[in-house]
Protein backbone atom coordinates (compact mmCIF):
# COMPACT_ATOMS: atom_id res chain seq x y z
CA MET A 1 0.00 0.00 0.00
CA VAL A 2 1.44 3.35 -1.06
CA ASP A 3 0.54 7.01 -1.23
CA PRO A 4 0.89 8.11 -4.88
CA LEU A 5 3.52 10.79 -5.51
CA ALA A 6 4.61 13.05 -8.32
CA LYS A 7 8.25 12.85 -9.42
CA ASP A 8 9.02 16.16 -7.68
CA ASP A 9 7.78 14.81 -4.32
CA LEU A 10 10.00 11.72 -4.18
CA LYS A 11 12.23 11.09 -1.17
CA GLU A 12 14.89 8.44 -0.57
CA GLY A 13 13.31 5.03 -0.09
CA ASP A 14 10.16 5.78 -2.09
CA LEU A 15 9.13 3.42 -4.86
CA VAL A 16 9.09 4.45 -8.52
CA PHE A 17 6.69 2.78 -10.94
CA PHE A 18 6.95 2.47 -14.70
CA LYS A 19 4.53 1.41 -17.41
CA ILE A 20 6.90 0.17 -20.09
CA LYS A 21 4.96 -0.55 -23.28
CA SER A 22 2.07 -1.68 -21.09
CA ARG A 23 -1.17 -0.36 -19.64
CA SER A 24 -0.21 -1.71 -16.25
CA ILE A 25 2.85 -1.19 -14.05
CA SER A 26 5.62 -3.37 -15.45
CA HIS A 27 8.75 -2.17 -13.63
CA ILE A 28 9.52 -0.91 -10.11
CA GLY A 29 12.57 0.69 -8.53
CA ILE A 30 13.63 2.29 -5.24
CA TYR A 31 14.35 6.01 -5.28
CA LEU A 32 17.83 6.92 -4.01
CA GLY A 33 17.65 10.71 -4.25
CA ASP A 34 19.07 13.15 -6.80
CA ASN A 35 16.87 11.61 -9.54
CA ARG A 36 18.61 8.22 -9.17
CA PHE A 37 16.91 4.89 -8.53
CA ALA A 38 17.97 1.27 -8.07
CA HIS A 39 16.22 -1.44 -10.03
CA ALA A 40 16.76 -4.90 -11.45
CA SER A 41 17.65 -5.31 -15.10
CA SER A 42 17.14 -8.72 -16.67
CA SER A 43 20.36 -8.32 -18.65
CA ARG A 44 22.59 -6.41 -16.19
CA GLY A 45 21.36 -7.35 -12.70
CA VAL A 46 20.79 -4.58 -10.15
CA VAL A 47 21.67 -1.19 -11.59
CA ILE A 48 21.34 2.49 -10.69
CA SER A 49 19.72 4.70 -13.31
CA ASN A 50 18.56 8.30 -13.59
CA LEU A 51 14.87 9.22 -13.85
CA ASN A 52 15.84 11.98 -16.30
CA GLU A 53 17.24 9.50 -18.84
CA PRO A 54 14.92 9.70 -21.86
CA TYR A 55 13.91 6.01 -21.61
CA TYR A 56 12.89 6.14 -17.95
CA SER A 57 11.43 9.63 -18.20
CA ARG A 58 9.18 8.41 -21.03
CA TYR A 59 7.80 5.43 -19.11
CA PHE A 60 7.70 6.87 -15.57
CA TYR A 61 4.18 6.44 -14.19
CA LYS A 62 4.35 7.72 -10.61
CA GLY A 63 6.08 7.36 -7.30
CA GLY A 64 4.76 5.86 -4.12
CA ARG A 65 5.55 6.09 -0.42
CA ILE A 66 4.76 3.07 1.73
CA LEU A 67 1.99 3.94 4.18
CA GLU A 68 3.03 4.12 7.85
CA SER A 69 0.24 1.75 8.84
CA PHE A 70 1.52 -0.80 6.33
CA LYS A 71 5.12 -0.40 7.55
CA LYS A 72 4.09 -1.15 11.13
CA GLU A 73 2.35 -4.32 10.01
CA PHE A 74 5.62 -5.73 8.69
CA THR A 75 8.14 -4.34 11.19
CA VAL A 76 10.18 -6.98 12.97
CA GLU A 77 10.90 -6.17 16.60
């Protein structure tokens, strides 16, 4: 469960969602700050990319911040 966010509202640890040649979300990454995000590439493994790269900028759908209530549900103490 996430709160939807615009690209300008992203903070470190937020999720970034992409619709790559699809009507539904087909790719997800973790925002690192400074327009960079970590994600898994099927050909290169885990990589860090920039949201301003034309490819990712084109397919960016929205960001999301995990809801506090959802975080508490899965916190290990």
